[in-house]
Amino acid sequence: MKNYIAFLLQLIVWSVFTIAQWLSNKDHIEYKWIMFIVFFYLGFIVAKKILQSSRLTLIVTIISLSTFFSLKIFFEQILVAI
């Protein structure tokens, strides 16, 4: 159950990252990478507080990140096709 809660909270963090990235669409790519690192760290810290294990936190973070961006690409393709 803790894994699921950490996963959902990280999906919220990635959603906020996407909104922040959308709002800063005129920034240079370096700033977007820095922003990604900050949000990755924030998501990692949130999951670490819940899970209390570095290894499990890294696994949940990678799974949530890949799930979120896979779904993001999928829905963007659907919107382009419409």
N, C-alpha and C. Protein backbone atom coordinates (compact mmCIF):
# COMPACT_ATOMS: atom_id res chain seq x y z
N MET A 1 0.82 -1.19 0.00
CA MET A 1 0.00 0.00 0.00
C MET A 1 0.87 1.26 0.00
N LYS A 2 1.99 1.21 0.71
CA LYS A 2 2.89 2.36 0.73
C LYS A 2 3.46 2.63 -0.66
N ASN A 3 3.74 1.55 -1.40
CA ASN A 3 4.27 1.72 -2.76
C ASN A 3 3.27 2.46 -3.64
N TYR A 4 2.00 2.10 -3.51
CA TYR A 4 0.95 2.71 -4.31
C TYR A 4 0.79 4.20 -3.97
N ILE A 5 0.83 4.53 -2.71
CA ILE A 5 0.70 5.93 -2.29
C ILE A 5 1.89 6.75 -2.80
N ALA A 6 3.09 6.20 -2.67
CA ALA A 6 4.28 6.89 -3.19
C ALA A 6 4.18 7.07 -4.70
N PHE A 7 3.70 6.04 -5.39
CA PHE A 7 3.53 6.10 -6.84
C PHE A 7 2.56 7.22 -7.22
N LEU A 8 1.42 7.29 -6.54
CA LEU A 8 0.43 8.32 -6.85
C LEU A 8 0.94 9.73 -6.56
N LEU A 9 1.64 9.89 -5.45
CA LEU A 9 2.20 11.21 -5.13
C LEU A 9 3.25 11.62 -6.15
N GLN A 10 4.01 10.66 -6.63
CA GLN A 10 4.99 11.00 -7.65
C GLN A 10 4.32 11.35 -8.98
N LEU A 11 3.22 10.71 -9.29
CA LEU A 11 2.49 11.10 -10.50
C LEU A 11 2.00 12.54 -10.38
N ILE A 12 1.63 12.95 -9.19
CA ILE A 12 1.24 14.34 -8.96
C ILE A 12 2.44 15.26 -9.18
N VAL A 13 3.60 14.86 -8.69
CA VAL A 13 4.82 15.66 -8.88
C VAL A 13 5.13 15.79 -10.37
N TRP A 14 5.01 14.69 -11.13
CA TRP A 14 5.30 14.76 -12.57
C TRP A 14 4.27 15.61 -13.29
N SER A 15 3.02 15.60 -12.81
CA SER A 15 2.00 16.46 -13.41
C SER A 15 2.33 17.94 -13.19
N VAL A 16 2.76 18.26 -11.99
CA VAL A 16 3.17 19.65 -11.69
C VAL A 16 4.38 20.03 -12.53
N PHE A 17 5.30 19.09 -12.72
CA PHE A 17 6.47 19.35 -13.58
C PHE A 17 6.02 19.67 -15.00
N THR A 18 5.05 18.94 -15.51
CA THR A 18 4.56 19.18 -16.87
C THR A 18 3.91 20.55 -16.98
N ILE A 19 3.17 20.94 -15.97
CA ILE A 19 2.56 22.28 -15.97
C ILE A 19 3.64 23.36 -15.90
N ALA A 20 4.64 23.16 -15.06
CA ALA A 20 5.74 24.13 -14.96
C ALA A 20 6.51 24.21 -16.27
N GLN A 21 6.69 23.08 -16.91
CA GLN A 21 7.40 23.06 -18.20
C GLN A 21 6.57 23.78 -19.27
N TRP A 22 5.27 23.58 -19.24
CA TRP A 22 4.38 24.24 -20.19
C TRP A 22 4.39 25.76 -19.99
N LEU A 23 4.43 26.19 -18.73
CA LEU A 23 4.46 27.63 -18.44
C LEU A 23 5.78 28.28 -18.81
N SER A 24 6.85 27.50 -18.84
CA SER A 24 8.17 28.05 -19.17
C SER A 24 8.61 27.58 -20.54
N ASN A 25 7.72 27.65 -21.52
CA ASN A 25 8.04 27.12 -22.84
C ASN A 25 9.09 27.93 -23.59
N LYS A 26 9.38 29.14 -23.17
CA LYS A 26 10.38 29.96 -23.84
C LYS A 26 11.76 29.88 -23.19
N ASP A 27 11.88 29.10 -22.14
CA ASP A 27 13.18 28.96 -21.47
C ASP A 27 14.13 28.10 -22.29
N HIS A 28 15.41 28.25 -22.01
CA HIS A 28 16.42 27.43 -22.66
C HIS A 28 16.36 26.01 -22.13
N ILE A 29 16.90 25.09 -22.90
CA ILE A 29 16.84 23.68 -22.54
C ILE A 29 17.60 23.39 -21.24
N GLU A 30 18.65 24.17 -20.97
CA GLU A 30 19.41 23.96 -19.73
C GLU A 30 18.54 24.18 -18.50
N TYR A 31 17.69 25.20 -18.55
CA TYR A 31 16.81 25.49 -17.43
C TYR A 31 15.75 24.41 -17.26
N LYS A 32 15.31 23.85 -18.38
CA LYS A 32 14.34 22.76 -18.29
C LYS A 32 14.96 21.51 -17.67
N TRP A 33 16.22 21.25 -17.97
CA TRP A 33 16.91 20.11 -17.34
C TRP A 33 17.11 20.34 -15.85
N ILE A 34 17.44 21.56 -15.49
CA ILE A 34 17.58 21.88 -14.06
C ILE A 34 16.24 21.71 -13.35
N MET A 35 15.18 22.16 -14.00
CA MET A 35 13.86 22.01 -13.42
C MET A 35 13.48 20.52 -13.30
N PHE A 36 13.86 19.71 -14.28
CA PHE A 36 13.59 18.27 -14.21
C PHE A 36 14.34 17.64 -13.03
N ILE A 37 15.59 18.03 -12.84
CA ILE A 37 16.38 17.49 -11.73
C ILE A 37 15.75 17.88 -10.39
N VAL A 38 15.28 19.12 -10.28
CA VAL A 38 14.65 19.57 -9.04
C VAL A 38 13.37 18.77 -8.76
N PHE A 39 12.54 18.57 -9.78
CA PHE A 39 11.31 17.80 -9.58
C PHE A 39 11.60 16.33 -9.33
N PHE A 40 12.64 15.79 -9.97
CA PHE A 40 13.03 14.40 -9.72
C PHE A 40 13.45 14.24 -8.26
N TYR A 41 14.24 15.19 -7.78
CA TYR A 41 14.68 15.15 -6.39
C TYR A 41 13.49 15.28 -5.44
N LEU A 42 12.56 16.17 -5.76
CA LEU A 42 11.37 16.34 -4.93
C LEU A 42 10.54 15.05 -4.88
N GLY A 43 10.34 14.43 -6.03
CA GLY A 43 9.61 13.16 -6.07
C GLY A 43 10.33 12.06 -5.31
N PHE A 44 11.65 12.05 -5.42
CA PHE A 44 12.44 11.04 -4.71
C PHE A 44 12.33 11.24 -3.21
N ILE A 45 12.40 12.47 -2.75
CA ILE A 45 12.32 12.76 -1.31
C ILE A 45 10.94 12.40 -0.77
N VAL A 46 9.88 12.71 -1.53
CA VAL A 46 8.53 12.36 -1.09
C VAL A 46 8.39 10.85 -0.93
N ALA A 47 8.86 10.11 -1.90
CA ALA A 47 8.77 8.64 -1.83
C ALA A 47 9.67 8.08 -0.74
N LYS A 48 10.82 8.69 -0.54
CA LYS A 48 11.75 8.21 0.50
C LYS A 48 11.14 8.36 1.89
N LYS A 49 10.41 9.46 2.11
CA LYS A 49 9.74 9.66 3.40
C LYS A 49 8.69 8.58 3.65
N ILE A 50 8.01 8.15 2.60
CA ILE A 50 6.95 7.16 2.75
C ILE A 50 7.52 5.75 2.83
N LEU A 51 8.46 5.42 1.95
CA LEU A 51 8.93 4.04 1.82
C LEU A 51 10.08 3.69 2.76
N GLN A 52 10.90 4.64 3.12
CA GLN A 52 12.02 4.44 4.06
C GLN A 52 13.08 3.46 3.53
N SER A 53 13.17 3.31 2.22
CA SER A 53 14.17 2.44 1.60
C SER A 53 14.66 3.08 0.32
N SER A 54 15.96 3.28 0.21
CA SER A 54 16.51 3.95 -0.97
C SER A 54 16.31 3.13 -2.24
N ARG A 55 16.52 1.83 -2.13
CA ARG A 55 16.40 0.96 -3.31
C ARG A 55 14.95 0.93 -3.80
N LEU A 56 14.01 0.74 -2.92
CA LEU A 56 12.61 0.70 -3.29
C LEU A 56 12.14 2.07 -3.79
N THR A 57 12.65 3.12 -3.20
CA THR A 57 12.31 4.47 -3.64
C THR A 57 12.77 4.71 -5.07
N LEU A 58 13.98 4.28 -5.39
CA LEU A 58 14.50 4.45 -6.75
C LEU A 58 13.67 3.65 -7.75
N ILE A 59 13.28 2.44 -7.39
CA ILE A 59 12.47 1.61 -8.28
C ILE A 59 11.10 2.26 -8.53
N VAL A 60 10.44 2.71 -7.47
CA VAL A 60 9.12 3.34 -7.61
C VAL A 60 9.24 4.64 -8.40
N THR A 61 10.31 5.39 -8.20
CA THR A 61 10.50 6.64 -8.93
C THR A 61 10.68 6.39 -10.42
N ILE A 62 11.48 5.42 -10.77
CA ILE A 62 11.70 5.10 -12.18
C ILE A 62 10.42 4.58 -12.82
N ILE A 63 9.67 3.75 -12.11
CA ILE A 63 8.42 3.22 -12.65
C ILE A 63 7.40 4.35 -12.83
N SER A 64 7.28 5.23 -11.85
CA SER A 64 6.31 6.32 -11.98
C SER A 64 6.71 7.30 -13.08
N LEU A 65 7.98 7.56 -13.21
CA LEU A 65 8.47 8.46 -14.26
C LEU A 65 8.21 7.87 -15.64
N SER A 66 8.53 6.61 -15.83
CA SER A 66 8.31 5.98 -17.14
C SER A 66 6.82 5.84 -17.44
N THR A 67 6.02 5.53 -16.44
CA THR A 67 4.57 5.43 -16.65
C THR A 67 3.98 6.78 -17.04
N PHE A 68 4.36 7.82 -16.32
CA PHE A 68 3.80 9.14 -16.60
C PHE A 68 4.16 9.61 -17.99
N PHE A 69 5.43 9.51 -18.37
CA PHE A 69 5.82 10.03 -19.67
C PHE A 69 5.34 9.14 -20.81
N SER A 70 5.15 7.85 -20.56
CA SER A 70 4.54 6.98 -21.57
C SER A 70 3.09 7.39 -21.81
N LEU A 71 2.36 7.62 -20.74
CA LEU A 71 0.97 8.06 -20.87
C LEU A 71 0.88 9.45 -21.50
N LYS A 72 1.82 10.30 -21.17
CA LYS A 72 1.84 11.65 -21.75
C LYS A 72 2.03 11.58 -23.26
N ILE A 73 2.97 10.78 -23.71
CA ILE A 73 3.21 10.62 -25.15
C ILE A 73 2.00 9.99 -25.83
N PHE A 74 1.40 8.99 -25.19
CA PHE A 74 0.23 8.33 -25.74
C PHE A 74 -0.92 9.32 -25.94
N PHE A 75 -1.22 10.12 -24.92
CA PHE A 75 -2.33 11.06 -25.03
C PHE A 75 -2.03 12.20 -25.99
N GLU A 76 -0.77 12.60 -26.10
CA GLU A 76 -0.41 13.62 -27.08
C GLU A 76 -0.62 13.10 -28.50
N GLN A 77 -0.30 11.83 -28.73
CA GLN A 77 -0.53 11.23 -30.05
C GLN A 77 -2.02 11.15 -30.37
N ILE A 78 -2.83 10.87 -29.37
CA ILE A 78 -4.28 10.82 -29.59
C ILE A 78 -4.80 12.21 -29.94
N LEU A 79 -4.30 13.24 -29.24
CA LEU A 79 -4.76 14.61 -29.52
C LEU A 79 -4.32 15.07 -30.90
N VAL A 80 -3.16 14.66 -31.34
CA VAL A 80 -2.68 15.04 -32.67
C VAL A 80 -3.52 14.36 -33.74
N ALA A 81 -3.92 13.12 -33.48
CA ALA A 81 -4.70 12.36 -34.47
C ALA A 81 -6.12 12.90 -34.61
N ILE A 82 -6.62 13.55 -33.59
CA ILE A 82 -8.02 14.04 -33.64
C ILE A 82 -8.13 15.28 -34.45
